[in-house]
């Protein structure tokens, strides 16, 4: 891993990036608070990326604050709206699509079609799937929606950002340690997997585990009698750890997915993107909690995304930790 934490220009250095490609975010929308679209879109825009935003459901607030009216966007309206977006004159200029909470199987199917359309229009675009499905207590969406996410969206994704429960559900295996997580990532076959609640190696810590597959091996001529070896994924994974913040506000998963995507779009390596995402969210969460806010206060503390300074422990899995402090240029 590189020790250099300096930014090479771009929005993270506090500079504008006129050629930054728009990002389409499809997830839940709350009228108050910072989860789903409101969390992800703010983070991307704060880092210089224009955002197109599509709600899947509309809620007054996060369900963690108590019961409220739930408005799931009509399936036909949702599908036709995505079809309209695909005809937008700037559609092929989208740099990425980020999907989160899905309100119905029909929405999942419509998003899958849109991803295919975007990849056809712009093969260099990224698709990030944050499979918002559940947590330790189980699924909090209908199982048929979770199955549709697993079968239709995960195989299309360049990057997935599940928590550990979601990852285990997607693989159908209960990981006992980080080695299991790395091995089980092979089953999903996604180029980049960011597990936002891996097994920490420090006490009272939160661990984010990044698993990246190697680039495909170049085809080489093989003797007719020699069977070509099957390309293998890398066993190398990078972990970012930081202390647990008691009673954190909701929306951290949405924010991490958006931050990681923004840093990758800005040319950062997977390691650097992980480091900055972990540091930035740690600062915003800790400042929000210390200030007594019930939600992530991204508007007050959003500058921490451009200049994160919180110390996080970076390590190769099965290697000694290295403390890194991020400082602005």
C-alpha atoms as a PDB file:
ATOM      1  CA  UNK A   1       0.000   0.000   0.000  1.00  0.00           C
ATOM      2  CA  UNK A   2       1.172   3.470  -0.771  1.00  0.00           C
ATOM      3  CA  UNK A   3       1.885   5.848   2.084  1.00  0.00           C
ATOM      4  CA  UNK A   4       1.084   8.920   0.038  1.00  0.00           C
ATOM      5  CA  UNK A   5      -2.198  10.488   1.096  1.00  0.00           C
ATOM      6  CA  UNK A   6      -1.901  13.690  -0.940  1.00  0.00           C
ATOM      7  CA  UNK A   7      -4.588  14.418  -3.482  1.00  0.00           C
ATOM      8  CA  UNK A   8      -3.724  14.998  -7.087  1.00  0.00           C
ATOM      9  CA  UNK A   9      -6.149  17.810  -7.808  1.00  0.00           C
ATOM     10  CA  UNK A  10      -9.869  17.271  -8.434  1.00  0.00           C
ATOM     11  CA  UNK A  11     -12.754  18.085  -6.114  1.00  0.00           C
ATOM     12  CA  UNK A  12     -11.150  16.488  -3.053  1.00  0.00           C
ATOM     13  CA  UNK A  13      -8.441  19.129  -3.151  1.00  0.00           C
ATOM     14  CA  UNK A  14     -11.077  21.822  -2.877  1.00  0.00           C
ATOM     15  CA  UNK A  15     -10.940  22.477  -6.608  1.00  0.00           C
ATOM     16  CA  UNK A  16     -13.774  22.422  -9.080  1.00  0.00           C
ATOM     17  CA  UNK A  17     -13.766  19.745 -11.733  1.00  0.00           C
ATOM     18  CA  UNK A  18     -15.612  21.123 -14.783  1.00  0.00           C
ATOM     19  CA  UNK A  19     -15.487  17.787 -16.616  1.00  0.00           C
ATOM     20  CA  UNK A  20     -16.835  15.729 -13.701  1.00  0.00           C
ATOM     21  CA  UNK A  21     -19.459  13.416 -15.132  1.00  0.00           C
ATOM     22  CA  UNK A  22     -22.921  13.306 -13.562  1.00  0.00           C
ATOM     23  CA  UNK A  23     -23.931  10.423 -11.293  1.00  0.00           C
ATOM     24  CA  UNK A  24     -27.433   8.937 -11.249  1.00  0.00           C
ATOM     25  CA  UNK A  25     -28.576   7.968  -7.728  1.00  0.00           C
ATOM     26  CA  UNK A  26     -31.623   5.727  -7.294  1.00  0.00           C
ATOM     27  CA  UNK A  27     -32.734   5.085  -3.713  1.00  0.00           C
ATOM     28  CA  UNK A  28     -35.161   6.074  -0.976  1.00  0.00           C
ATOM     29  CA  UNK A  29     -35.973   9.714  -0.255  1.00  0.00           C
ATOM     30  CA  UNK A  30     -36.764  11.159   3.158  1.00  0.00           C
ATOM     31  CA  UNK A  31     -38.357  14.552   3.686  1.00  0.00           C
ATOM     32  CA  UNK A  32     -36.288  15.130   6.839  1.00  0.00           C
ATOM     33  CA  UNK A  33     -32.872  13.741   7.662  1.00  0.00           C
ATOM     34  CA  UNK A  34     -29.928  12.461   5.635  1.00  0.00           C
ATOM     35  CA  UNK A  35     -30.348   8.877   4.467  1.00  0.00           C
ATOM     36  CA  UNK A  36     -30.795   7.274   1.067  1.00  0.00           C
ATOM     37  CA  UNK A  37     -30.781   9.755  -1.779  1.00  0.00           C
ATOM     38  CA  UNK A  38     -30.370  12.744   0.512  1.00  0.00           C
ATOM     39  CA  UNK A  39     -27.170  11.326   2.017  1.00  0.00           C
ATOM     40  CA  UNK A  40     -25.644   9.967  -1.180  1.00  0.00           C
ATOM     41  CA  UNK A  41     -26.533  12.931  -3.372  1.00  0.00           C
ATOM     42  CA  UNK A  42     -25.181  15.476  -0.910  1.00  0.00           C
ATOM     43  CA  UNK A  43     -21.860  13.651  -0.605  1.00  0.00           C
ATOM     44  CA  UNK A  44     -21.428  13.397  -4.373  1.00  0.00           C
ATOM     45  CA  UNK A  45     -22.369  17.020  -4.978  1.00  0.00           C
ATOM     46  CA  UNK A  46     -20.132  18.207  -2.139  1.00  0.00           C
ATOM     47  CA  UNK A  47     -17.241  16.479  -3.911  1.00  0.00           C
ATOM     48  CA  UNK A  48     -17.996  18.121  -7.235  1.00  0.00           C
ATOM     49  CA  UNK A  49     -20.235  15.659  -9.070  1.00  0.00           C
ATOM     50  CA  UNK A  50     -23.579  16.679 -10.586  1.00  0.00           C
ATOM     51  CA  UNK A  51     -26.342  14.315  -9.468  1.00  0.00           C
ATOM     52  CA  UNK A  52     -29.441  12.991 -11.163  1.00  0.00           C
ATOM     53  CA  UNK A  53     -31.790  11.661  -8.485  1.00  0.00           C
ATOM     54  CA  UNK A  54     -34.640   9.145  -8.664  1.00  0.00           C
ATOM     55  CA  UNK A  55     -36.671   8.177  -5.552  1.00  0.00           C
ATOM     56  CA  UNK A  56     -37.876   4.604  -5.050  1.00  0.00           C
ATOM     57  CA  UNK A  57     -39.940   5.360  -1.949  1.00  0.00           C
ATOM     58  CA  UNK A  58     -40.742   8.632  -0.174  1.00  0.00           C
ATOM     59  CA  UNK A  59     -40.842   8.771   3.624  1.00  0.00           C
ATOM     60  CA  UNK A  60     -41.165  11.662   6.088  1.00  0.00           C
ATOM     61  CA  UNK A  61     -38.131  10.312   7.974  1.00  0.00           C
ATOM     62  CA  UNK A  62     -36.006   7.224   8.471  1.00  0.00           C
ATOM     63  CA  UNK A  63     -38.069   4.318   9.909  1.00  0.00           C
ATOM     64  CA  UNK A  64     -35.649   4.227  12.846  1.00  0.00           C
ATOM     65  CA  UNK A  65     -37.317   7.406  14.114  1.00  0.00           C
ATOM     66  CA  UNK A  66     -40.720   5.686  14.267  1.00  0.00           C
ATOM     67  CA  UNK A  67     -43.657   4.743  12.025  1.00  0.00           C
ATOM     68  CA  UNK A  68     -44.603   7.099   9.198  1.00  0.00           C
ATOM     69  CA  UNK A  69     -46.378   7.226   5.859  1.00  0.00           C
ATOM     70  CA  UNK A  70     -44.624   5.232   3.147  1.00  0.00           C
ATOM     71  CA  UNK A  71     -45.149   6.146  -0.493  1.00  0.00           C
ATOM     72  CA  UNK A  72     -43.700   3.617  -2.920  1.00  0.00           C
ATOM     73  CA  UNK A  73     -43.367   5.098  -6.393  1.00  0.00           C
ATOM     74  CA  UNK A  74     -45.817   3.466  -8.798  1.00  0.00           C
ATOM     75  CA  UNK A  75     -44.084   0.722 -10.796  1.00  0.00           C
ATOM     76  CA  UNK A  76     -45.255   1.978 -14.183  1.00  0.00           C
ATOM     77  CA  UNK A  77     -44.393   5.592 -13.372  1.00  0.00           C
ATOM     78  CA  UNK A  78     -40.976   4.528 -12.112  1.00  0.00           C
ATOM     79  CA  UNK A  79     -40.200   2.435 -15.197  1.00  0.00           C
ATOM     80  CA  UNK A  80     -41.351   5.120 -17.637  1.00  0.00           C
ATOM     81  CA  UNK A  81     -39.331   7.763 -15.797  1.00  0.00           C
ATOM     82  CA  UNK A  82     -36.176   5.669 -16.163  1.00  0.00           C
ATOM     83  CA  UNK A  83     -36.965   5.148 -19.840  1.00  0.00           C
ATOM     84  CA  UNK A  84     -37.249   8.933 -20.189  1.00  0.00           C
ATOM     85  CA  UNK A  85     -33.878   9.396 -18.519  1.00  0.00           C
ATOM     86  CA  UNK A  86     -32.335   6.948 -20.977  1.00  0.00           C
ATOM     87  CA  UNK A  87     -33.498   9.288 -23.764  1.00  0.00           C
ATOM     88  CA  UNK A  88     -31.938  12.300 -22.057  1.00  0.00           C
ATOM     89  CA  UNK A  89     -29.403  13.903 -24.435  1.00  0.00           C
ATOM     90  CA  UNK A  90     -26.703  13.683 -21.768  1.00  0.00           C
ATOM     91  CA  UNK A  91     -27.449  10.103 -20.696  1.00  0.00           C
ATOM     92  CA  UNK A  92     -24.307   8.673 -22.303  1.00  0.00           C
ATOM     93  CA  UNK A  93     -22.234  11.184 -20.336  1.00  0.00           C
ATOM     94  CA  UNK A  94     -23.197   9.696 -16.983  1.00  0.00           C
ATOM     95  CA  UNK A  95     -20.092   8.569 -15.130  1.00  0.00           C
ATOM     96  CA  UNK A  96     -21.867   6.201 -12.776  1.00  0.00           C
ATOM     97  CA  UNK A  97     -25.156   4.847 -11.504  1.00  0.00           C
ATOM     98  CA  UNK A  98     -25.592   4.181  -7.785  1.00  0.00           C
ATOM     99  CA  UNK A  99     -28.613   2.195  -6.605  1.00  0.00           C
ATOM    100  CA  UNK A 100     -29.678   1.714  -3.010  1.00  0.00           C
ATOM    101  CA  UNK A 101     -33.037   0.933  -1.390  1.00  0.00           C
ATOM    102  CA  UNK A 102     -35.534  -0.711  -3.758  1.00  0.00           C
ATOM    103  CA  UNK A 103     -39.259  -0.581  -3.084  1.00  0.00           C
ATOM    104  CA  UNK A 104     -40.473  -3.388  -5.356  1.00  0.00           C
ATOM    105  CA  UNK A 105     -39.370  -6.159  -7.681  1.00  0.00           C
ATOM    106  CA  UNK A 106     -40.582  -4.096 -10.640  1.00  0.00           C
ATOM    107  CA  UNK A 107     -38.222  -1.297  -9.613  1.00  0.00           C
ATOM    108  CA  UNK A 108     -35.305  -3.729  -9.498  1.00  0.00           C
ATOM    109  CA  UNK A 109     -36.170  -4.948 -12.995  1.00  0.00           C
ATOM    110  CA  UNK A 110     -36.368  -1.386 -14.294  1.00  0.00           C
ATOM    111  CA  UNK A 111     -32.996  -0.497 -12.760  1.00  0.00           C
ATOM    112  CA  UNK A 112     -31.425  -3.606 -14.337  1.00  0.00           C
ATOM    113  CA  UNK A 113     -32.670  -2.481 -17.760  1.00  0.00           C
ATOM    114  CA  UNK A 114     -31.308   1.007 -17.150  1.00  0.00           C
ATOM    115  CA  UNK A 115     -27.889  -0.339 -16.153  1.00  0.00           C
ATOM    116  CA  UNK A 116     -27.788  -2.313 -19.416  1.00  0.00           C
ATOM    117  CA  UNK A 117     -28.718   0.820 -21.336  1.00  0.00           C
ATOM    118  CA  UNK A 118     -26.043   2.884 -19.620  1.00  0.00           C
ATOM    119  CA  UNK A 119     -23.349   0.271 -20.220  1.00  0.00           C
ATOM    120  CA  UNK A 120     -24.320   0.163 -23.909  1.00  0.00           C
ATOM    121  CA  UNK A 121     -24.212   3.953 -24.169  1.00  0.00           C
ATOM    122  CA  UNK A 122     -21.062   4.389 -22.063  1.00  0.00           C
ATOM    123  CA  UNK A 123     -19.058   1.206 -21.416  1.00  0.00           C
ATOM    124  CA  UNK A 124     -16.700   3.142 -19.136  1.00  0.00           C
ATOM    125  CA  UNK A 125     -19.464   4.080 -16.698  1.00  0.00           C
ATOM    126  CA  UNK A 126     -19.575   2.422 -13.270  1.00  0.00           C
ATOM    127  CA  UNK A 127     -22.528   0.708 -11.680  1.00  0.00           C
ATOM    128  CA  UNK A 128     -22.470   0.653  -7.869  1.00  0.00           C
ATOM    129  CA  UNK A 129     -25.048  -1.506  -6.102  1.00  0.00           C
ATOM    130  CA  UNK A 130     -25.606  -0.814  -2.423  1.00  0.00           C
ATOM    131  CA  UNK A 131     -27.889  -3.774  -1.617  1.00  0.00           C
ATOM    132  CA  UNK A 132     -29.935  -2.148   1.136  1.00  0.00           C
ATOM    133  CA  UNK A 133     -31.770  -5.212   2.435  1.00  0.00           C
ATOM    134  CA  UNK A 134     -31.259  -5.796   6.126  1.00  0.00           C
ATOM    135  CA  UNK A 135     -29.058  -6.011   9.178  1.00  0.00           C
ATOM    136  CA  UNK A 136     -28.301  -8.370  12.060  1.00  0.00           C
ATOM    137  CA  UNK A 137     -31.987  -8.880  12.885  1.00  0.00           C
ATOM    138  CA  UNK A 138     -32.758 -10.012   9.320  1.00  0.00           C
ATOM    139  CA  UNK A 139     -34.224  -8.653   6.102  1.00  0.00           C
ATOM    140  CA  UNK A 140     -36.264  -5.473   6.340  1.00  0.00           C
ATOM    141  CA  UNK A 141     -37.474  -5.685   2.750  1.00  0.00           C
ATOM    142  CA  UNK A 142     -39.639  -8.379   1.196  1.00  0.00           C
ATOM    143  CA  UNK A 143     -37.630 -11.495   0.364  1.00  0.00           C
ATOM    144  CA  UNK A 144     -38.710 -11.376  -3.282  1.00  0.00           C
ATOM    145  CA  UNK A 145     -37.127  -7.923  -3.601  1.00  0.00           C
ATOM    146  CA  UNK A 146     -33.918  -9.171  -2.012  1.00  0.00           C
ATOM    147  CA  UNK A 147     -33.855 -12.114  -4.416  1.00  0.00           C
ATOM    148  CA  UNK A 148     -34.328  -9.768  -7.366  1.00  0.00           C
ATOM    149  CA  UNK A 149     -31.437  -7.589  -6.155  1.00  0.00           C
ATOM    150  CA  UNK A 150     -29.249 -10.687  -5.811  1.00  0.00           C
ATOM    151  CA  UNK A 151     -30.158 -12.126  -9.202  1.00  0.00           C
ATOM    152  CA  UNK A 152     -30.500  -8.981 -11.336  1.00  0.00           C
ATOM    153  CA  UNK A 153     -28.397  -6.185  -9.860  1.00  0.00           C
ATOM    154  CA  UNK A 154     -25.414  -7.845  -8.171  1.00  0.00           C
ATOM    155  CA  UNK A 155     -24.247  -9.609 -11.376  1.00  0.00           C
ATOM    156  CA  UNK A 156     -24.324  -6.283 -13.237  1.00  0.00           C
ATOM    157  CA  UNK A 157     -22.382  -4.322 -10.609  1.00  0.00           C
ATOM    158  CA  UNK A 158     -18.811  -3.074 -10.827  1.00  0.00           C
ATOM    159  CA  UNK A 159     -18.851  -2.245  -7.107  1.00  0.00           C
ATOM    160  CA  UNK A 160     -21.063  -3.586  -4.319  1.00  0.00           C
ATOM    161  CA  UNK A 161     -21.202  -2.139  -0.793  1.00  0.00           C
ATOM    162  CA  UNK A 162     -23.133  -4.559   1.458  1.00  0.00           C
ATOM    163  CA  UNK A 163     -22.949  -4.746   5.213  1.00  0.00           C
ATOM    164  CA  UNK A 164     -21.909  -8.132   6.618  1.00  0.00           C
ATOM    165  CA  UNK A 165     -25.462  -9.430   7.025  1.00  0.00           C
ATOM    166  CA  UNK A 166     -26.326  -8.456   3.454  1.00  0.00           C
ATOM    167  CA  UNK A 167     -23.118 -10.016   2.142  1.00  0.00           C
ATOM    168  CA  UNK A 168     -23.820 -13.279   3.971  1.00  0.00           C
ATOM    169  CA  UNK A 169     -27.381 -13.309   2.656  1.00  0.00           C
ATOM    170  CA  UNK A 170     -26.230 -12.710  -0.902  1.00  0.00           C
ATOM    171  CA  UNK A 171     -23.702 -15.540  -0.755  1.00  0.00           C
ATOM    172  CA  UNK A 172     -25.881 -17.893   1.275  1.00  0.00           C
ATOM    173  CA  UNK A 173     -22.930 -18.513   3.587  1.00  0.00           C
ATOM    174  CA  UNK A 174     -22.249 -17.407   7.155  1.00  0.00           C
ATOM    175  CA  UNK A 175     -18.749 -15.940   7.242  1.00  0.00           C
ATOM    176  CA  UNK A 176     -16.932 -16.621  10.511  1.00  0.00           C
ATOM    177  CA  UNK A 177     -13.988 -14.313   9.876  1.00  0.00           C
ATOM    178  CA  UNK A 178     -12.459 -12.005   7.290  1.00  0.00           C
ATOM    179  CA  UNK A 179     -10.839 -14.900   5.436  1.00  0.00           C
ATOM    180  CA  UNK A 180     -14.324 -16.307   4.873  1.00  0.00           C
ATOM    181  CA  UNK A 181     -15.506 -12.929   3.593  1.00  0.00           C
ATOM    182  CA  UNK A 182     -12.649 -12.802   1.083  1.00  0.00           C
ATOM    183  CA  UNK A 183     -13.214 -16.369  -0.068  1.00  0.00           C
ATOM    184  CA  UNK A 184     -16.975 -15.899  -0.342  1.00  0.00           C
ATOM    185  CA  UNK A 185     -16.501 -12.787  -2.477  1.00  0.00           C
ATOM    186  CA  UNK A 186     -15.319 -15.136  -5.225  1.00  0.00           C
ATOM    187  CA  UNK A 187     -18.835 -16.534  -5.418  1.00  0.00           C
ATOM    188  CA  UNK A 188     -20.377 -13.170  -6.283  1.00  0.00           C
ATOM    189  CA  UNK A 189     -17.691 -12.402  -8.847  1.00  0.00           C
ATOM    190  CA  UNK A 190     -17.960  -8.617  -8.469  1.00  0.00           C
ATOM    191  CA  UNK A 191     -14.768  -6.717  -9.397  1.00  0.00           C
ATOM    192  CA  UNK A 192     -14.920  -4.621  -6.206  1.00  0.00           C
ATOM    193  CA  UNK A 193     -16.613  -5.550  -2.929  1.00  0.00           C
ATOM    194  CA  UNK A 194     -16.675  -3.152   0.021  1.00  0.00           C
ATOM    195  CA  UNK A 195     -18.108  -4.806   3.134  1.00  0.00           C
ATOM    196  CA  UNK A 196     -19.044  -2.029   5.534  1.00  0.00           C
ATOM    197  CA  UNK A 197     -19.125  -4.130   8.702  1.00  0.00           C
ATOM    198  CA  UNK A 198     -16.356  -6.700   8.491  1.00  0.00           C
ATOM    199  CA  UNK A 199     -14.695  -8.375  11.480  1.00  0.00           C
ATOM    200  CA  UNK A 200     -12.586  -5.741  13.293  1.00  0.00           C
ATOM    201  CA  UNK A 201      -9.114  -6.637  14.495  1.00  0.00           C
ATOM    202  CA  UNK A 202      -9.106  -3.928  17.170  1.00  0.00           C
ATOM    203  CA  UNK A 203     -11.379  -3.807  20.186  1.00  0.00           C
ATOM    204  CA  UNK A 204     -14.463  -1.616  20.027  1.00  0.00           C
ATOM    205  CA  UNK A 205     -13.879  -0.831  16.365  1.00  0.00           C
ATOM    206  CA  UNK A 206     -15.735  -0.687  13.077  1.00  0.00           C
ATOM    207  CA  UNK A 207     -14.051  -2.368  10.112  1.00  0.00           C
ATOM    208  CA  UNK A 208     -14.606  -1.755   6.401  1.00  0.00           C
ATOM    209  CA  UNK A 209     -13.109  -4.453   4.178  1.00  0.00           C
ATOM    210  CA  UNK A 210     -12.245  -3.795   0.542  1.00  0.00           C
ATOM    211  CA  UNK A 211     -11.804  -6.835  -1.715  1.00  0.00           C
ATOM    212  CA  UNK A 212     -10.718  -6.187  -5.266  1.00  0.00           C
ATOM    213  CA  UNK A 213     -10.368  -8.779  -7.987  1.00  0.00           C
ATOM    214  CA  UNK A 214      -7.280  -8.602 -10.216  1.00  0.00           C
ATOM    215  CA  UNK A 215      -7.648  -7.481 -13.786  1.00  0.00           C
ATOM    216  CA  UNK A 216      -8.441 -10.341 -16.154  1.00  0.00           C
ATOM    217  CA  UNK A 217      -5.401 -12.225 -17.352  1.00  0.00           C
ATOM    218  CA  UNK A 218      -4.466 -11.651 -20.970  1.00  0.00           C
ATOM    219  CA  UNK A 219      -5.192 -14.583 -23.175  1.00  0.00           C
ATOM    220  CA  UNK A 220      -2.090 -16.392 -24.266  1.00  0.00           C
ATOM    221  CA  UNK A 221      -1.549 -19.128 -26.787  1.00  0.00           C
ATOM    222  CA  UNK A 222      -1.911 -22.544 -25.208  1.00  0.00           C
ATOM    223  CA  UNK A 223      -0.664 -25.876 -26.432  1.00  0.00           C
ATOM    224  CA  UNK A 224      -3.556 -27.968 -27.670  1.00  0.00           C
ATOM    225  CA  UNK A 225      -2.790 -30.618 -25.051  1.00  0.00           C
ATOM    226  CA  UNK A 226      -2.408 -28.100 -22.208  1.00  0.00           C
ATOM    227  CA  UNK A 227      -5.466 -26.945 -20.327  1.00  0.00           C
ATOM    228  CA  UNK A 228      -5.427 -23.220 -19.543  1.00  0.00           C
ATOM    229  CA  UNK A 229      -5.468 -22.515 -15.800  1.00  0.00           C
ATOM    230  CA  UNK A 230      -8.594 -20.804 -14.518  1.00  0.00           C
ATOM    231  CA  UNK A 231      -7.857 -17.163 -13.573  1.00  0.00           C
ATOM    232  CA  UNK A 232      -8.044 -16.671  -9.805  1.00  0.00           C
ATOM    233  CA  UNK A 233      -9.112 -13.663  -7.790  1.00  0.00           C
ATOM    234  CA  UNK A 234      -6.612 -11.900  -5.601  1.00  0.00           C
ATOM    235  CA  UNK A 235      -6.369 -12.940  -1.959  1.00  0.00           C
ATOM    236  CA  UNK A 236      -5.344  -9.400  -1.021  1.00  0.00           C
ATOM    237  CA  UNK A 237      -7.847  -7.263   0.854  1.00  0.00           C
ATOM    238  CA  UNK A 238      -7.488  -3.921   2.601  1.00  0.00           C
ATOM    239  CA  UNK A 239      -9.193  -2.990   5.855  1.00  0.00           C
ATOM    240  CA  UNK A 240      -9.924   0.409   7.340  1.00  0.00           C
ATOM    241  CA  UNK A 241     -10.733   0.425  11.063  1.00  0.00           C
ATOM    242  CA  UNK A 242     -11.774   3.165  13.437  1.00  0.00           C
ATOM    243  CA  UNK A 243     -13.311   3.331  16.926  1.00  0.00           C
ATOM    244  CA  UNK A 244     -17.017   2.702  17.333  1.00  0.00           C
ATOM    245  CA  UNK A 245     -19.144   5.818  17.774  1.00  0.00           C
ATOM    246  CA  UNK A 246     -22.017   4.910  20.135  1.00  0.00           C
ATOM    247  CA  UNK A 247     -25.540   5.451  18.790  1.00  0.00           C
ATOM    248  CA  UNK A 248     -24.556   6.695  15.318  1.00  0.00           C
ATOM    249  CA  UNK A 249     -27.207   8.377  13.153  1.00  0.00           C
ATOM    250  CA  UNK A 250     -28.783   6.438  10.299  1.00  0.00           C
ATOM    251  CA  UNK A 251     -27.465   6.801   6.757  1.00  0.00           C
ATOM    252  CA  UNK A 252     -23.816   5.865   7.200  1.00  0.00           C
ATOM    253  CA  UNK A 253     -24.019   3.013   4.695  1.00  0.00           C
ATOM    254  CA  UNK A 254     -25.524   5.277   2.031  1.00  0.00           C
ATOM    255  CA  UNK A 255     -22.821   7.843   2.704  1.00  0.00           C
ATOM    256  CA  UNK A 256     -19.917   5.395   2.545  1.00  0.00           C
ATOM    257  CA  UNK A 257     -21.109   4.034  -0.809  1.00  0.00           C
ATOM    258  CA  UNK A 258     -21.358   7.538  -2.263  1.00  0.00           C
ATOM    259  CA  UNK A 259     -18.020   8.698  -0.861  1.00  0.00           C
ATOM    260  CA  UNK A 260     -16.181   5.605  -2.088  1.00  0.00           C
ATOM    261  CA  UNK A 261     -17.689   6.086  -5.557  1.00  0.00           C
ATOM    262  CA  UNK A 262     -16.796   9.787  -5.652  1.00  0.00           C
ATOM    263  CA  UNK A 263     -13.186   9.159  -4.718  1.00  0.00           C
ATOM    264  CA  UNK A 264     -12.876   6.385  -7.309  1.00  0.00           C
ATOM    265  CA  UNK A 265     -14.366   8.614 -10.010  1.00  0.00           C
ATOM    266  CA  UNK A 266     -11.778  11.228  -9.068  1.00  0.00           C
ATOM    267  CA  UNK A 267      -8.974   8.823  -9.922  1.00  0.00           C
ATOM    268  CA  UNK A 268      -8.134   7.560  -6.436  1.00  0.00           C
ATOM    269  CA  UNK A 269      -7.042   3.948  -5.944  1.00  0.00           C
ATOM    270  CA  UNK A 270      -9.264   1.540  -4.059  1.00  0.00           C
ATOM    271  CA  UNK A 271      -7.051   1.918  -0.989  1.00  0.00           C
ATOM    272  CA  UNK A 272      -7.142   5.690  -1.102  1.00  0.00           C
ATOM    273  CA  UNK A 273     -10.894   5.760  -1.691  1.00  0.00           C
ATOM    274  CA  UNK A 274     -11.451   3.422   1.254  1.00  0.00           C
ATOM    275  CA  UNK A 275      -9.202   5.479   3.493  1.00  0.00           C
ATOM    276  CA  UNK A 276     -10.902   8.751   2.668  1.00  0.00           C
ATOM    277  CA  UNK A 277     -14.422   7.354   2.858  1.00  0.00           C
ATOM    278  CA  UNK A 278     -13.753   5.844   6.302  1.00  0.00           C
ATOM    279  CA  UNK A 279     -12.088   8.996   7.575  1.00  0.00           C
ATOM    280  CA  UNK A 280     -14.747  11.347   6.217  1.00  0.00           C
ATOM    281  CA  UNK A 281     -17.708   9.405   7.562  1.00  0.00           C
ATOM    282  CA  UNK A 282     -15.992   8.987  10.936  1.00  0.00           C
ATOM    283  CA  UNK A 283     -15.636  12.746  11.256  1.00  0.00           C
ATOM    284  CA  UNK A 284     -19.209  13.540  10.221  1.00  0.00           C
ATOM    285  CA  UNK A 285     -20.685  10.838  12.478  1.00  0.00           C
ATOM    286  CA  UNK A 286     -18.583  11.770  15.519  1.00  0.00           C
ATOM    287  CA  UNK A 287     -19.286  15.499  15.111  1.00  0.00           C
ATOM    288  CA  UNK A 288     -23.020  14.862  14.624  1.00  0.00           C
ATOM    289  CA  UNK A 289     -23.173  12.699  17.768  1.00  0.00           C
ATOM    290  CA  UNK A 290     -21.142  15.119  19.878  1.00  0.00           C
ATOM    291  CA  UNK A 291     -23.440  17.938  18.804  1.00  0.00           C
ATOM    292  CA  UNK A 292     -26.511  15.972  19.832  1.00  0.00           C
ATOM    293  CA  UNK A 293     -28.078  15.663  16.375  1.00  0.00           C
ATOM    294  CA  UNK A 294     -30.409  12.755  15.627  1.00  0.00           C
ATOM    295  CA  UNK A 295     -29.403  12.657  11.952  1.00  0.00           C
ATOM    296  CA  UNK A 296     -26.177  13.001  10.015  1.00  0.00           C
ATOM    297  CA  UNK A 297     -25.469  16.716   9.834  1.00  0.00           C
ATOM    298  CA  UNK A 298     -23.925  16.672   6.389  1.00  0.00           C
ATOM    299  CA  UNK A 299     -24.619  20.337   5.684  1.00  0.00           C
ATOM    300  CA  UNK A 300     -22.782  21.491   8.811  1.00  0.00           C
ATOM    301  CA  UNK A 301     -19.850  19.112   8.536  1.00  0.00           C
ATOM    302  CA  UNK A 302     -19.691  18.331   4.827  1.00  0.00           C
ATOM    303  CA  UNK A 303     -16.307  20.034   4.531  1.00  0.00           C
ATOM    304  CA  UNK A 304     -14.891  16.895   6.196  1.00  0.00           C
ATOM    305  CA  UNK A 305     -15.503  15.054   2.937  1.00  0.00           C
ATOM    306  CA  UNK A 306     -13.055  17.262   1.076  1.00  0.00           C
ATOM    307  CA  UNK A 307     -10.466  17.461   3.863  1.00  0.00           C
ATOM    308  CA  UNK A 308     -10.877  14.384   6.115  1.00  0.00           C
ATOM    309  CA  UNK A 309      -8.408  14.347   9.023  1.00  0.00           C
ATOM    310  CA  UNK A 310      -9.685  11.576  11.289  1.00  0.00           C
ATOM    311  CA  UNK A 311      -7.158   8.843  12.022  1.00  0.00           C
ATOM    312  CA  UNK A 312      -8.048   5.426  10.653  1.00  0.00           C
ATOM    313  CA  UNK A 313      -6.053   2.213  10.858  1.00  0.00           C
ATOM    314  CA  UNK A 314      -5.226   0.780   7.444  1.00  0.00           C
ATOM    315  CA  UNK A 315      -3.953  -2.758   7.086  1.00  0.00           C
ATOM    316  CA  UNK A 316      -3.622  -5.530   4.635  1.00  0.00           C
ATOM    317  CA  UNK A 317      -5.621  -8.407   6.034  1.00  0.00           C
ATOM    318  CA  UNK A 318      -3.320 -10.609   8.155  1.00  0.00           C
ATOM    319  CA  UNK A 319      -0.770  -7.772   8.278  1.00  0.00           C
ATOM    320  CA  UNK A 320       0.147  -5.309  11.013  1.00  0.00           C
ATOM    321  CA  UNK A 321      -1.967  -2.133  11.176  1.00  0.00           C
ATOM    322  CA  UNK A 322      -0.735   1.222  10.047  1.00  0.00           C
ATOM    323  CA  UNK A 323      -2.210   4.415  11.445  1.00  0.00           C
ATOM    324  CA  UNK A 324      -2.758   7.077   8.834  1.00  0.00           C
ATOM    325  CA  UNK A 325      -3.855  10.639   9.439  1.00  0.00           C
ATOM    326  CA  UNK A 326      -5.359  12.411   6.455  1.00  0.00           C
ATOM    327  CA  UNK A 327      -4.426  16.062   6.126  1.00  0.00           C
ATOM    328  CA  UNK A 328      -5.405  18.641   3.524  1.00  0.00           C
ATOM    329  CA  UNK A 329      -2.819  19.859   1.094  1.00  0.00           C
END
